Amino acid sequence: MGNGTSFENTKTIYLDVNGKSEKIAFSNYCGSRDISDLIAHVAGCSRFSAITLKNSDGALVTLAPTMPKNTQSSPYKVIVKDDRQFFGDNEVFTSVVNQVAEQFNRSSKVDEMKVEISARLAALEKRLEREGLKSIEFDKCKRDISDIKDQMYQAQRKFINFNNRISDGSLEEEEAKKGKLLKRIPDYQKYTLSPETIDYLKKPTFDIWHWEPNEMLSLLEHMYHELGLVNEFSINPITLKRWLLCVQENYRNNPFHNFRHCFCVSQMMYGMIHLCELWEKMTREDLGVLLTAAVCHDLDHPGYNNTYQINARTDLAIRYNDISPLENHHCAVAFQILRNPECNIFGNVDNETFKRIRSGMTMLILATDMARHSEIMECFKTKLSEGFDFPMKDHVDTLKMVLIKCCDISNEVRPMEVSEPWVDCLLEEYFNQSDREKLEGLPVAPFMDRDKVTKPTAQIGFVKFVLVPMFETVAKLFPQLGDTMVKQLKDAQARYEEMKIVEDKEKEKVKEIDLVGKVNRGKITKSSFQIEN
């Protein structure tokens, strides 16, 4: 499955935008609204502007996936009628805006405002139908009325008083921000990826520290196109951009659980899909669920783990009854974002497909709770011992859970210069939590205590007892992981063990110096010093 099949259903149309040559590409599954959005994007105008196309003979061209193909030498001329011109020329729409503004200004109670204005808008919509506006103007009015409703909803939210805000950000005020509309066309730069970068992106050795946020967005976008997911789910490319931007916005600036970690896990999943050639074993839908779950798996992570949430009795812990509170929250935020039509990359699939996607993503994100590690691995080992069967759904589901677990904690699979900075980031986040736990009188895990843990002590046991056994088990199904991943993990374990030996020697030297100092100060006798040694 390479790039050759990713664009097999794509049509390219050439445009003349104010004398400048442009082109757009879209799937046969795109709707007229999607194509209009694409043209608005290249024309640099509002998506609500009235856009028409004319061919070289001056004839109007229908904005639809079935529009005739053209060539660069005979582009369609793009004619844009500014939305402000339309607003000024159309008395009916001006009346709509004025009445909505009047009602909004008069309302003092949110509930009354919502009911009254919604009823008035419904009546005005019927009036537009009765007065028989031209279809293009009528559609435009409908879109603008919908836009006003969205703005009303956002304004309504501002009136709500959030009383219980705390720094873990798990309350309603933070949730109100999730999935918010991104009305502007995404403006991050589209990078042209070299063949070397495209190939490098598929490897577990990929260095994620050399890429800026906008570049990471473009790389994620490339993954969806290259794997054929844009065609599989009929994703509008602009919706994909909006979704990625909204996902990025909903990752916090934690030392470890941040957007770079999201990209890191997603890139490793993309790499494993290629390394294991999973398209030969799974459906394209499965691949889409794997990659999308990886992108969403830590959305809105507050920087404090489940143990803290439960011990501190936070709203997240109470809401989810102490059962994987963070992972449940990540799922909720993911589908809040997807609930917004502007950001719903699965908006063009049928209901049954969406149910499968939602169920699959939820299963995978919940599987990243390390409290379930032994349960999931034992289930996977049982299926391997019985004879793994790819056509069986429960076997594939278990494998997918193991794969996202591998990707989530895969930093040590990467070269040392890439993986070691992540340990520093993780320890910083751990220390922040343990400091807070001490202040609040909560239990502190030894591996998080800055007074007890060091880099090698934090990693040796984790690599030896969690990572190596897990990747060795997966390598039984995909032997190619042995040389690329298992070997790297064992090398990492050996490196940390050597680091621990050096660290222990340094501690012994400090102890000896301290003891000699005490002898010199007369605080212990020479004989007692000899006995201790």
Protein backbone atom coordinates (compact mmCIF):
# COMPACT_ATOMS: atom_id res chain seq x y z
CA MET A 1 0.00 0.00 0.00
CA GLY A 2 1.93 2.99 -1.18
CA ASN A 3 1.30 6.44 -2.50
CA GLY A 4 0.17 4.99 -5.79
CA THR A 5 -3.25 4.00 -4.43
CA SER A 6 -3.84 6.95 -2.13
CA PHE A 7 -5.08 9.34 -4.79
CA GLU A 8 -6.71 6.98 -7.26
CA ASN A 9 -10.12 8.65 -6.82
CA THR A 10 -8.81 12.22 -6.82
CA LYS A 11 -9.70 14.85 -9.42
CA THR A 12 -7.45 17.87 -10.08
CA ILE A 13 -9.00 21.15 -11.29
CA TYR A 14 -6.99 24.18 -12.46
CA LEU A 15 -8.13 27.68 -11.48
CA ASP A 16 -7.47 31.29 -12.45
CA VAL A 17 -7.67 33.42 -9.28
CA ASN A 18 -7.22 37.09 -10.19
CA GLY A 19 -4.72 36.11 -12.89
CA LYS A 20 -2.81 33.74 -10.62
CA SER A 21 -2.68 30.04 -11.52
CA GLU A 22 -3.91 27.70 -8.75
CA LYS A 23 -5.14 24.14 -8.55
CA ILE A 24 -7.24 22.03 -6.18
CA ALA A 25 -7.56 18.29 -5.76
CA PHE A 26 -10.56 16.53 -4.27
CA SER A 27 -12.09 13.10 -3.93
CA ASN A 28 -15.14 11.96 -5.82
CA TYR A 29 -16.76 11.62 -2.41
CA CYS A 30 -16.48 15.36 -1.66
CA GLY A 31 -19.64 17.46 -1.67
CA SER A 32 -20.17 20.83 -3.32
CA ARG A 33 -19.70 22.57 0.03
CA ASP A 34 -16.28 20.91 0.44
CA ILE A 35 -15.18 22.01 -3.04
CA SER A 36 -16.42 25.55 -2.39
CA ASP A 37 -14.37 25.60 0.84
CA LEU A 38 -11.26 24.52 -1.06
CA ILE A 39 -11.70 27.23 -3.67
CA ALA A 40 -12.35 29.84 -0.96
CA HIS A 41 -9.11 28.75 0.68
CA VAL A 42 -6.97 29.21 -2.45
CA ALA A 43 -8.81 32.45 -3.31
CA GLY A 44 -8.13 33.84 0.18
CA CYS A 45 -11.76 34.72 0.84
CA SER A 46 -14.40 33.80 3.41
CA ARG A 47 -16.00 30.38 3.08
CA PHE A 48 -19.34 32.22 3.12
CA SER A 49 -18.52 34.23 -0.02
CA ALA A 50 -20.54 33.49 -3.17
CA ILE A 51 -18.17 31.67 -5.55
CA THR A 52 -18.80 30.94 -9.23
CA LEU A 53 -16.60 29.35 -11.91
CA LYS A 54 -16.53 30.17 -15.63
CA ASN A 55 -14.78 28.23 -18.37
CA SER A 56 -12.80 29.76 -21.23
CA ASP A 57 -16.06 30.34 -23.17
CA GLY A 58 -17.56 32.32 -20.27
CA ALA A 59 -20.06 29.58 -19.40
CA LEU A 60 -20.82 28.86 -15.74
CA VAL A 61 -19.37 25.64 -14.36
CA THR A 62 -21.25 23.71 -11.67
CA LEU A 63 -19.41 23.45 -8.34
CA ALA A 64 -19.64 19.69 -7.92
CA PRO A 65 -17.39 16.61 -7.92
CA THR A 66 -18.76 15.84 -11.39
CA MET A 67 -17.43 19.08 -12.90
CA PRO A 68 -15.45 18.45 -16.11
CA LYS A 69 -11.69 18.15 -15.77
CA ASN A 70 -9.63 20.91 -17.31
CA THR A 71 -5.96 21.65 -18.00
CA GLN A 72 -3.46 24.20 -16.75
CA SER A 73 -3.74 26.00 -20.09
CA SER A 74 -7.55 26.28 -19.80
CA PRO A 75 -8.28 27.03 -16.14
CA TYR A 76 -11.68 27.93 -14.71
CA LYS A 77 -11.92 31.61 -13.80
CA VAL A 78 -12.89 32.11 -10.14
CA ILE A 79 -15.40 34.91 -9.48
CA VAL A 80 -15.94 35.85 -5.84
CA LYS A 81 -18.81 37.98 -4.60
CA ASP A 82 -17.80 39.29 -1.20
CA ASP A 83 -20.14 38.30 1.61
CA ARG A 84 -20.37 41.92 2.75
CA GLN A 85 -21.73 42.91 -0.66
CA PHE A 86 -24.38 40.24 -0.35
CA PHE A 87 -25.32 41.34 3.16
CA GLY A 88 -25.74 44.94 2.06
CA ASP A 89 -27.76 44.09 -1.05
CA ASN A 90 -30.15 41.69 0.60
CA GLU A 91 -32.79 43.35 2.76
CA VAL A 92 -34.11 40.07 4.12
CA PHE A 93 -30.75 39.02 5.52
CA THR A 94 -30.11 42.50 6.93
CA SER A 95 -33.45 42.20 8.71
CA VAL A 96 -32.37 38.81 10.14
CA VAL A 97 -29.15 40.25 11.51
CA ASN A 98 -30.86 43.30 13.00
CA GLN A 99 -33.58 41.27 14.69
CA VAL A 100 -31.09 38.79 16.14
CA ALA A 101 -28.89 41.63 17.43
CA GLU A 102 -31.92 43.38 18.93
CA GLN A 103 -33.09 40.24 20.70
CA PHE A 104 -29.59 39.44 21.93
CA ASN A 105 -29.13 42.92 23.40
CA ARG A 106 -32.51 42.91 25.13
CA SER A 107 -32.20 39.46 26.70
CA SER A 108 -31.02 39.34 30.25
CA LYS A 109 -31.72 35.70 30.93
CA VAL A 110 -29.82 33.11 28.98
CA ASP A 111 -32.57 30.50 28.79
CA GLU A 112 -35.21 33.01 27.66
CA MET A 113 -32.80 34.40 25.08
CA LYS A 114 -32.06 30.96 23.66
CA VAL A 115 -35.72 29.94 23.31
CA GLU A 116 -36.91 33.28 21.95
CA ILE A 117 -34.16 33.81 19.38
CA SER A 118 -34.25 30.19 18.22
CA ALA A 119 -37.99 30.52 17.58
CA ARG A 120 -37.47 33.82 15.74
CA LEU A 121 -34.73 32.32 13.56
CA ALA A 122 -36.93 29.36 12.67
CA ALA A 123 -39.68 31.75 11.59
CA LEU A 124 -37.26 33.78 9.51
CA GLU A 125 -35.98 30.63 7.82
CA LYS A 126 -39.55 29.83 6.75
CA ARG A 127 -39.97 33.41 5.55
CA LEU A 128 -36.91 33.06 3.35
CA GLU A 129 -38.40 29.96 1.79
CA ARG A 130 -41.74 31.67 1.15
CA GLU A 131 -40.20 34.75 -0.42
CA GLY A 132 -38.49 32.53 -2.99
CA LEU A 133 -34.95 33.85 -3.01
CA LYS A 134 -32.59 32.50 -5.64
CA SER A 135 -31.22 29.16 -4.57
CA ILE A 136 -27.64 30.37 -4.17
CA GLU A 137 -28.81 33.31 -2.03
CA PHE A 138 -31.14 31.11 -0.02
CA ASP A 139 -28.36 28.61 0.72
CA LYS A 140 -26.14 31.48 1.73
CA CYS A 141 -28.76 32.88 4.11
CA LYS A 142 -29.19 29.45 5.66
CA ARG A 143 -25.44 29.15 6.23
CA ASP A 144 -25.27 32.62 7.75
CA ILE A 145 -28.21 31.91 10.04
CA SER A 146 -26.43 28.73 11.14
CA ASP A 147 -23.32 30.81 11.79
CA ILE A 148 -25.35 33.21 13.96
CA LYS A 149 -26.68 30.27 15.96
CA ASP A 150 -23.13 29.09 16.57
CA GLN A 151 -22.15 32.57 17.76
CA MET A 152 -25.24 32.67 20.01
CA TYR A 153 -24.21 29.38 21.56
CA GLN A 154 -20.68 30.63 22.22
CA ALA A 155 -22.05 33.87 23.71
CA GLN A 156 -24.42 31.88 25.88
CA ARG A 157 -21.55 29.85 27.30
CA LYS A 158 -19.84 33.03 28.48
CA PHE A 159 -22.77 33.74 30.81
CA ILE A 160 -22.39 30.46 32.67
CA ASN A 161 -20.75 30.80 36.07
CA PHE A 162 -18.15 28.11 36.72
CA ASN A 163 -17.71 27.93 40.47
CA ASN A 164 -15.43 24.96 41.02
CA ARG A 165 -12.40 25.67 38.85
CA ILE A 166 -9.17 24.13 40.13
CA SER A 167 -5.71 23.85 38.64
CA ASP A 168 -6.10 20.29 37.35
CA GLY A 169 -8.41 21.80 34.73
CA SER A 170 -10.83 18.89 34.74
CA LEU A 171 -14.00 20.93 35.28
CA GLU A 172 -16.69 22.31 33.04
CA GLU A 173 -14.92 25.57 32.21
CA GLU A 174 -12.07 23.69 30.61
CA GLU A 175 -14.46 21.31 28.86
CA ALA A 176 -16.40 24.22 27.39
CA LYS A 177 -13.29 25.05 25.39
CA LYS A 178 -12.93 21.61 23.83
CA GLY A 179 -13.92 21.26 20.24
CA LYS A 180 -14.59 24.96 19.84
CA LEU A 181 -15.25 26.17 16.32
CA LEU A 182 -12.28 27.09 14.21
CA LYS A 183 -14.04 29.41 11.77
CA ARG A 184 -10.90 30.61 10.05
CA ILE A 185 -9.34 28.50 7.35
CA PRO A 186 -6.28 26.81 8.86
CA ASP A 187 -3.21 28.88 8.13
CA TYR A 188 -0.33 26.58 9.00
CA GLN A 189 2.07 26.21 6.13
CA LYS A 190 1.84 23.18 3.90
CA TYR A 191 5.36 21.78 3.76
CA THR A 192 6.71 19.95 0.75
CA LEU A 193 8.23 16.76 2.09
CA SER A 194 11.33 15.39 0.45
CA PRO A 195 11.49 11.67 -0.47
CA GLU A 196 14.10 11.27 2.29
CA THR A 197 11.76 12.75 4.92
CA ILE A 198 8.83 10.62 3.70
CA ASP A 199 10.95 7.49 4.08
CA TYR A 200 12.46 8.62 7.41
CA LEU A 201 8.98 9.26 8.86
CA LYS A 202 8.26 5.52 8.65
CA LYS A 203 11.22 4.52 10.84
CA PRO A 204 11.42 4.14 14.63
CA THR A 205 14.71 6.07 14.52
CA PHE A 206 12.84 9.25 13.52
CA ASP A 207 14.10 12.21 15.59
CA ILE A 208 11.00 14.04 16.81
CA TRP A 209 12.98 16.88 18.45
CA HIS A 210 13.91 18.58 15.16
CA TRP A 211 10.38 19.53 14.13
CA GLU A 212 8.34 22.63 14.90
CA PRO A 213 4.59 22.37 15.74
CA ASN A 214 3.46 23.41 12.24
CA GLU A 215 5.80 20.87 10.70
CA MET A 216 4.40 18.15 12.97
CA LEU A 217 0.89 19.08 11.82
CA SER A 218 1.95 18.71 8.19
CA LEU A 219 3.61 15.36 8.90
CA LEU A 220 0.45 14.07 10.60
CA GLU A 221 -1.59 15.30 7.64
CA HIS A 222 0.76 13.41 5.31
CA MET A 223 0.20 10.19 7.28
CA TYR A 224 -3.56 10.34 6.70
CA HIS A 225 -3.09 10.92 2.98
CA GLU A 226 -0.33 8.35 2.49
CA LEU A 227 -2.21 5.57 4.33
CA GLY A 228 -5.26 6.20 2.15
CA LEU A 229 -7.39 7.27 5.13
CA VAL A 230 -8.55 10.49 3.46
CA ASN A 231 -10.14 8.41 0.71
CA GLU A 232 -11.29 5.63 3.04
CA PHE A 233 -13.32 8.01 5.23
CA SER A 234 -14.06 10.63 2.51
CA ILE A 235 -12.30 13.29 4.60
CA ASN A 236 -12.42 16.86 3.37
CA PRO A 237 -8.72 17.94 3.42
CA ILE A 238 -9.65 21.26 5.04
CA THR A 239 -11.62 19.43 7.75
CA LEU A 240 -8.51 17.33 8.37
CA LYS A 241 -6.50 20.52 8.86
CA ARG A 242 -9.10 21.98 11.22
CA TRP A 243 -9.23 18.77 13.23
CA LEU A 244 -5.45 18.60 13.61
CA LEU A 245 -5.34 22.24 14.72
CA CYS A 246 -8.10 21.63 17.26
CA VAL A 247 -6.32 18.53 18.58
CA GLN A 248 -3.11 20.51 18.96
CA GLU A 249 -4.98 23.26 20.80
CA ASN A 250 -6.36 20.72 23.27
CA TYR A 251 -2.99 19.37 24.37
CA ARG A 252 -1.56 21.27 27.33
CA ASN A 253 1.99 22.53 27.75
CA ASN A 254 3.01 19.82 30.22
CA PRO A 255 6.67 18.78 30.47
CA PHE A 256 5.84 15.32 29.07
CA HIS A 257 2.17 14.85 28.16
CA ASN A 258 2.03 17.51 25.45
CA PHE A 259 1.46 17.77 21.69
CA ARG A 260 5.01 16.59 20.90
CA HIS A 261 4.29 13.41 22.86
CA CYS A 262 1.07 13.02 20.82
CA PHE A 263 3.11 13.34 17.62
CA CYS A 264 5.77 10.97 18.96
CA VAL A 265 3.21 8.22 19.68
CA SER A 266 1.43 8.78 16.36
CA GLN A 267 4.69 8.62 14.40
CA MET A 268 5.64 5.36 16.12
CA MET A 269 2.21 3.93 15.27
CA TYR A 270 2.70 5.03 11.65
CA GLY A 271 6.15 3.42 11.70
CA MET A 272 4.84 0.13 13.11
CA ILE A 273 2.06 0.04 10.51
CA HIS A 274 4.75 0.16 7.81
CA LEU A 275 7.30 -2.02 9.57
CA CYS A 276 4.73 -4.77 10.20
CA GLU A 277 2.91 -4.17 6.88
CA LEU A 278 -0.35 -4.09 8.79
CA TRP A 279 -2.40 -3.20 5.70
CA GLU A 280 -1.98 -6.86 4.67
CA LYS A 281 -3.49 -8.05 7.97
CA MET A 282 -6.05 -5.36 8.87
CA THR A 283 -8.66 -3.25 7.13
CA ARG A 284 -8.05 0.37 6.22
CA GLU A 285 -10.67 1.23 8.85
CA ASP A 286 -8.56 -0.55 11.49
CA LEU A 287 -5.52 1.50 10.45
CA GLY A 288 -7.54 4.70 10.72
CA VAL A 289 -8.70 3.78 14.23
CA LEU A 290 -5.12 2.95 15.28
CA LEU A 291 -3.66 6.23 14.03
CA THR A 292 -6.54 8.44 15.22
CA ALA A 293 -6.52 6.86 18.69
CA ALA A 294 -2.78 7.52 18.88
CA VAL A 295 -3.33 11.19 17.96
CA CYS A 296 -6.09 11.57 20.59
CA HIS A 297 -4.81 9.27 23.35
CA ASP A 298 -3.70 11.98 25.83
CA LEU A 299 -5.97 14.92 24.93
CA ASP A 300 -6.17 17.56 27.68
CA HIS A 301 -3.87 15.60 30.02
CA PRO A 302 -3.55 17.76 33.17
CA GLY A 303 -0.02 16.57 34.04
CA TYR A 304 -1.10 14.58 37.13
CA ASN A 305 -1.69 10.83 36.83
CA ASN A 306 -4.66 8.66 37.78
CA THR A 307 -3.27 7.92 41.23
CA TYR A 308 -3.26 11.63 42.03
CA GLN A 309 -6.77 12.09 40.58
CA ILE A 310 -8.12 9.29 42.80
CA ASN A 311 -6.24 10.22 45.98
CA ALA A 312 -7.09 13.92 45.62
CA ARG A 313 -10.73 13.06 44.80
CA THR A 314 -10.76 15.37 41.80
CA ASP A 315 -13.83 15.92 39.65
CA LEU A 316 -12.41 13.57 37.02
CA ALA A 317 -12.06 10.74 39.55
CA ILE A 318 -15.57 11.36 40.89
CA ARG A 319 -17.06 11.62 37.41
CA TYR A 320 -15.57 8.31 36.27
CA ASN A 321 -15.85 6.48 39.63
CA ASP A 322 -12.06 6.12 39.98
CA ILE A 323 -12.00 3.95 36.83
CA SER A 324 -9.32 5.20 34.40
CA PRO A 325 -10.36 8.84 34.96
CA LEU A 326 -7.71 10.33 32.66
CA GLU A 327 -8.23 7.87 29.80
CA ASN A 328 -12.01 8.34 29.99
CA HIS A 329 -11.44 12.10 29.87
CA HIS A 330 -9.15 11.81 26.82
CA CYS A 331 -11.93 9.87 25.03
CA ALA A 332 -14.56 12.43 26.00
CA VAL A 333 -12.48 15.35 24.70
CA ALA A 334 -11.70 13.47 21.46
CA PHE A 335 -15.39 13.02 20.69
CA GLN A 336 -16.29 16.53 21.81
CA ILE A 337 -13.95 17.72 19.07
CA LEU A 338 -15.40 15.29 16.53
CA ARG A 339 -18.93 16.40 17.46
CA ASN A 340 -18.16 19.76 15.87
CA PRO A 341 -18.96 19.45 12.12
CA GLU A 342 -16.09 21.84 11.32
CA CYS A 343 -13.61 19.33 12.77
CA ASN A 344 -15.32 15.97 12.21
CA ILE A 345 -13.01 13.94 9.99
CA PHE A 346 -15.54 11.09 10.14
CA GLY A 347 -18.50 13.28 9.19
CA ASN A 348 -18.93 11.58 5.81
CA VAL A 349 -19.13 7.96 6.99
CA ASP A 350 -22.40 6.18 7.67
CA ASN A 351 -23.75 5.66 11.20
CA GLU A 352 -22.66 2.03 11.52
CA THR A 353 -19.11 2.85 10.45
CA PHE A 354 -18.95 5.74 12.91
CA LYS A 355 -20.16 3.46 15.73
CA ARG A 356 -17.34 1.03 14.96
CA ILE A 357 -14.80 3.86 14.84
CA ARG A 358 -16.02 5.31 18.14
CA SER A 359 -16.02 1.91 19.82
CA GLY A 360 -12.54 1.11 18.49
CA MET A 361 -11.01 4.44 19.51
CA THR A 362 -12.53 4.21 22.99
CA MET A 363 -11.20 0.68 23.45
CA LEU A 364 -7.67 1.72 22.42
CA ILE A 365 -7.45 4.93 24.45
CA LEU A 366 -8.73 3.14 27.58
CA ALA A 367 -6.08 0.45 26.97
CA THR A 368 -3.31 3.03 27.56
CA ASP A 369 -4.06 2.98 31.32
CA MET A 370 -1.00 1.16 32.70
CA ALA A 371 -3.19 -0.27 35.47
CA ARG A 372 -4.53 -2.62 32.78
CA HIS A 373 -1.08 -3.64 31.47
CA SER A 374 -0.96 -7.17 32.92
CA GLU A 375 -4.58 -7.91 31.95
CA ILE A 376 -4.06 -6.92 28.30
CA MET A 377 -0.69 -8.65 27.94
CA GLU A 378 -1.97 -11.91 29.45
CA CYS A 379 -4.90 -11.86 27.03
CA PHE A 380 -2.51 -11.31 24.11
CA LYS A 381 -0.16 -14.11 25.24
CA THR A 382 -3.12 -16.49 25.50
CA LYS A 383 -4.17 -15.74 21.93
CA LEU A 384 -0.60 -16.24 20.72
CA SER A 385 -0.35 -19.60 22.47
CA GLU A 386 -3.67 -20.71 20.95
CA GLY A 387 -2.55 -19.60 17.49
CA PHE A 388 -3.16 -15.98 16.54
CA ASP A 389 -5.91 -15.67 13.95
CA PHE A 390 -6.16 -12.35 12.09
CA PRO A 391 -9.68 -12.88 10.73
CA MET A 392 -10.98 -13.13 14.31
CA LYS A 393 -12.14 -9.74 15.62
CA ASP A 394 -11.24 -10.34 19.29
CA HIS A 395 -7.69 -11.35 18.27
CA VAL A 396 -7.24 -8.23 16.15
CA ASP A 397 -8.76 -6.02 18.88
CA THR A 398 -6.30 -7.37 21.44
CA LEU A 399 -3.39 -6.81 19.05
CA LYS A 400 -4.51 -3.22 18.44
CA MET A 401 -4.59 -2.59 22.21
CA VAL A 402 -1.07 -3.96 22.55
CA LEU A 403 0.15 -1.87 19.62
CA ILE A 404 -1.09 1.42 21.07
CA LYS A 405 0.45 0.45 24.41
CA CYS A 406 3.77 -0.18 22.68
CA CYS A 407 3.64 3.18 20.89
CA ASP A 408 2.58 5.08 24.02
CA ILE A 409 5.68 4.01 25.97
CA SER A 410 8.07 3.50 23.06
CA ASN A 411 10.61 6.26 23.72
CA GLU A 412 13.39 3.83 24.68
CA VAL A 413 12.96 2.10 21.30
CA ARG A 414 14.46 5.22 19.72
CA PRO A 415 18.18 6.14 19.63
CA MET A 416 19.64 7.37 22.94
CA GLU A 417 19.93 11.00 21.83
CA VAL A 418 16.18 10.98 21.05
CA SER A 419 14.94 8.95 24.02
CA GLU A 420 16.97 10.38 26.90
CA PRO A 421 15.47 13.92 26.81
CA TRP A 422 12.06 12.30 27.25
CA VAL A 423 13.20 10.81 30.57
CA ASP A 424 14.09 14.29 31.79
CA CYS A 425 10.65 15.54 30.72
CA LEU A 426 8.89 12.67 32.45
CA LEU A 427 10.84 13.11 35.68
CA GLU A 428 10.05 16.82 35.70
CA GLU A 429 6.34 16.01 35.45
CA TYR A 430 6.69 13.33 38.16
CA PHE A 431 8.48 15.74 40.49
CA ASN A 432 5.80 18.39 39.96
CA GLN A 433 3.20 15.84 41.03
CA SER A 434 5.11 14.54 44.05
CA ASP A 435 5.78 18.09 45.25
CA ARG A 436 2.05 18.80 45.08
CA GLU A 437 1.21 15.51 46.81
CA LYS A 438 3.56 16.39 49.69
CA LEU A 439 1.92 19.80 50.06
CA GLU A 440 -1.56 18.26 50.07
CA GLY A 441 -0.63 15.40 52.43
CA LEU A 442 -1.25 12.70 49.81
CA PRO A 443 0.74 9.46 49.33
CA VAL A 444 3.88 9.86 47.19
CA ALA A 445 5.10 7.09 44.89
CA PRO A 446 8.85 6.44 45.40
CA PHE A 447 9.50 6.52 41.64
CA MET A 448 8.15 10.10 41.57
CA ASP A 449 9.95 11.45 44.62
CA ARG A 450 12.77 13.82 43.65
CA ASP A 451 14.57 12.84 46.86
CA LYS A 452 14.61 9.14 45.96
CA VAL A 453 14.59 8.63 42.20
CA THR A 454 17.30 9.15 39.58
CA LYS A 455 17.31 8.65 35.83
CA PRO A 456 18.77 5.11 35.90
CA THR A 457 16.64 3.95 38.84
CA ALA A 458 13.56 5.28 37.07
CA GLN A 459 14.30 3.40 33.85
CA ILE A 460 16.06 0.11 34.62
CA GLY A 461 13.06 -1.70 36.09
CA PHE A 462 10.64 -0.19 33.58
CA VAL A 463 12.73 -1.24 30.59
CA LYS A 464 13.59 -4.67 32.02
CA PHE A 465 10.21 -5.76 33.36
CA VAL A 466 7.73 -3.86 31.16
CA LEU A 467 9.19 -2.81 27.80
CA VAL A 468 11.45 -5.73 26.89
CA PRO A 469 8.87 -8.47 27.72
CA MET A 470 6.10 -6.59 25.90
CA PHE A 471 8.09 -5.98 22.70
CA GLU A 472 9.52 -9.52 22.77
CA THR A 473 5.95 -10.85 22.90
CA VAL A 474 4.86 -8.72 19.94
CA ALA A 475 8.01 -9.80 18.06
CA LYS A 476 6.71 -13.39 18.20
CA LEU A 477 3.98 -12.24 15.80
CA PHE A 478 6.17 -9.76 13.89
CA PRO A 479 9.80 -11.04 13.96
CA GLN A 480 11.02 -7.89 12.18
CA LEU A 481 10.65 -6.02 15.50
CA GLY A 482 13.49 -8.07 17.00
CA ASP A 483 16.41 -6.26 15.37
CA THR A 484 14.79 -2.83 15.19
CA MET A 485 13.12 -2.55 18.61
CA VAL A 486 13.92 -5.36 21.06
CA LYS A 487 17.67 -4.99 20.51
CA GLN A 488 17.47 -1.23 21.06
CA LEU A 489 15.57 -1.79 24.32
CA LYS A 490 18.18 -4.23 25.62
CA ASP A 491 20.92 -1.79 24.70
CA ALA A 492 19.03 0.92 26.63
CA GLN A 493 18.74 -1.37 29.65
CA ALA A 494 22.48 -2.06 29.59
CA ARG A 495 23.21 1.66 29.26
CA TYR A 496 21.09 2.55 32.30
CA GLU A 497 22.63 -0.29 34.32
CA GLU A 498 26.10 1.10 33.55
CA MET A 499 24.86 4.55 34.50
CA LYS A 500 23.59 3.09 37.80
CA ILE A 501 27.01 1.56 38.55
CA VAL A 502 28.69 4.93 37.98
CA GLU A 503 26.03 6.63 40.11
CA ASP A 504 26.52 4.12 42.97
CA LYS A 505 30.29 4.65 42.88
CA GLU A 506 29.78 8.40 43.10
CA LYS A 507 27.49 7.92 46.10
CA GLU A 508 30.09 5.73 47.82
CA LYS A 509 32.74 8.38 47.28
CA VAL A 510 30.46 11.00 48.81
CA LYS A 511 29.84 8.74 51.82
CA GLU A 512 33.56 8.14 52.31
CA ILE A 513 34.33 11.84 52.07
CA ASP A 514 31.55 12.57 54.56
CA LEU A 515 32.86 9.96 57.01
CA VAL A 516 36.43 11.28 56.74
CA GLY A 517 35.12 14.77 57.34
CA LYS A 518 33.35 13.65 60.50
CA VAL A 519 36.55 11.97 61.76
CA ASN A 520 38.55 15.13 61.13
CA ARG A 521 35.96 17.16 63.01
CA GLY A 522 36.14 14.73 65.94
CA LYS A 523 32.49 13.70 65.69
CA ILE A 524 33.35 9.99 65.55
CA THR A 525 36.39 8.10 66.81
CA LYS A 526 38.98 6.55 64.58
CA SER A 527 38.10 3.08 65.91
CA SER A 528 34.42 3.50 65.09
CA PHE A 529 35.36 4.66 61.59
CA GLN A 530 37.40 1.48 61.12
CA ILE A 531 34.54 -0.70 62.39
CA GLU A 532 32.07 0.90 59.95
CA ASN A 533 34.45 0.21 57.10
